[in-house]
C-alpha atoms as a PDB file:
ATOM      1  CA  UNK A   1       8.627 -23.848  24.815  1.00  0.00           C
ATOM      2  CA  UNK A   2       9.414 -24.659  21.179  1.00  0.00           C
ATOM      3  CA  UNK A   3       5.718 -24.401  20.316  1.00  0.00           C
ATOM      4  CA  UNK A   4       5.600 -20.881  21.770  1.00  0.00           C
ATOM      5  CA  UNK A   5       8.638 -19.869  19.674  1.00  0.00           C
ATOM      6  CA  UNK A   6       7.005 -21.370  16.589  1.00  0.00           C
ATOM      7  CA  UNK A   7       3.833 -19.382  17.211  1.00  0.00           C
ATOM      8  CA  UNK A   8       5.852 -16.218  17.660  1.00  0.00           C
ATOM      9  CA  UNK A   9       7.624 -16.784  14.338  1.00  0.00           C
ATOM     10  CA  UNK A  10       4.291 -17.411  12.630  1.00  0.00           C
ATOM     11  CA  UNK A  11       2.810 -14.273  14.173  1.00  0.00           C
ATOM     12  CA  UNK A  12       5.796 -12.230  13.037  1.00  0.00           C
ATOM     13  CA  UNK A  13       5.490 -13.612   9.498  1.00  0.00           C
ATOM     14  CA  UNK A  14       1.766 -12.809   9.433  1.00  0.00           C
ATOM     15  CA  UNK A  15       2.425  -9.275  10.651  1.00  0.00           C
ATOM     16  CA  UNK A  16       5.079  -8.745   7.986  1.00  0.00           C
ATOM     17  CA  UNK A  17       2.698 -10.053   5.300  1.00  0.00           C
ATOM     18  CA  UNK A  18      -0.038  -7.662   6.470  1.00  0.00           C
ATOM     19  CA  UNK A  19       2.409  -4.763   6.470  1.00  0.00           C
ATOM     20  CA  UNK A  20       3.577  -5.572   2.951  1.00  0.00           C
ATOM     21  CA  UNK A  21      -0.016  -5.842   1.761  1.00  0.00           C
ATOM     22  CA  UNK A  22      -0.874  -2.509   3.377  1.00  0.00           C
ATOM     23  CA  UNK A  23       2.146  -0.839   1.822  1.00  0.00           C
ATOM     24  CA  UNK A  24       1.163  -2.163  -1.596  1.00  0.00           C
ATOM     25  CA  UNK A  25      -2.386  -0.831  -1.150  1.00  0.00           C
ATOM     26  CA  UNK A  26      -1.080   2.578  -0.129  1.00  0.00           C
ATOM     27  CA  UNK A  27       1.181   2.585  -3.194  1.00  0.00           C
ATOM     28  CA  UNK A  28      -1.726   1.957  -5.575  1.00  0.00           C
ATOM     29  CA  UNK A  29      -3.916   4.573  -3.869  1.00  0.00           C
ATOM     30  CA  UNK A  30      -1.164   7.180  -4.143  1.00  0.00           C
ATOM     31  CA  UNK A  31      -0.566   6.276  -7.773  1.00  0.00           C
ATOM     32  CA  UNK A  32      -4.270   6.606  -8.575  1.00  0.00           C
ATOM     33  CA  UNK A  33      -4.433   9.998  -6.846  1.00  0.00           C
ATOM     34  CA  UNK A  34      -1.368  11.183  -8.741  1.00  0.00           C
ATOM     35  CA  UNK A  35      -2.881  10.132 -12.068  1.00  0.00           C
ATOM     36  CA  UNK A  36      -6.164  11.837 -11.179  1.00  0.00           C
ATOM     37  CA  UNK A  37      -4.351  15.082 -10.348  1.00  0.00           C
ATOM     38  CA  UNK A  38      -2.398  14.944 -13.612  1.00  0.00           C
ATOM     39  CA  UNK A  39      -5.598  14.353 -15.568  1.00  0.00           C
ATOM     40  CA  UNK A  40      -7.321  17.247 -13.819  1.00  0.00           C
ATOM     41  CA  UNK A  41      -4.361  19.539 -14.461  1.00  0.00           C
ATOM     42  CA  UNK A  42      -4.380  18.603 -18.154  1.00  0.00           C
ATOM     43  CA  UNK A  43      -8.110  19.348 -18.412  1.00  0.00           C
ATOM     44  CA  UNK A  44      -7.693  22.714 -16.712  1.00  0.00           C
ATOM     45  CA  UNK A  45      -4.737  23.568 -18.967  1.00  0.00           C
ATOM     46  CA  UNK A  46      -6.702  22.639 -22.087  1.00  0.00           C
ATOM     47  CA  UNK A  47      -9.507  25.042 -21.127  1.00  0.00           C
ATOM     48  CA  UNK A  48      -7.101  28.018 -21.001  1.00  0.00           C
END
């Protein structure tokens, strides 16, 4: 029974690590998109 509890704890830790990694990836993607939109807006503004 203790082995099953240990596996459950390990699975929960792995799931939390994957979630944190996914959140970090989403953060960087959103940041890159934001920077791209700002750059595009600056280029459009400079043409006016």
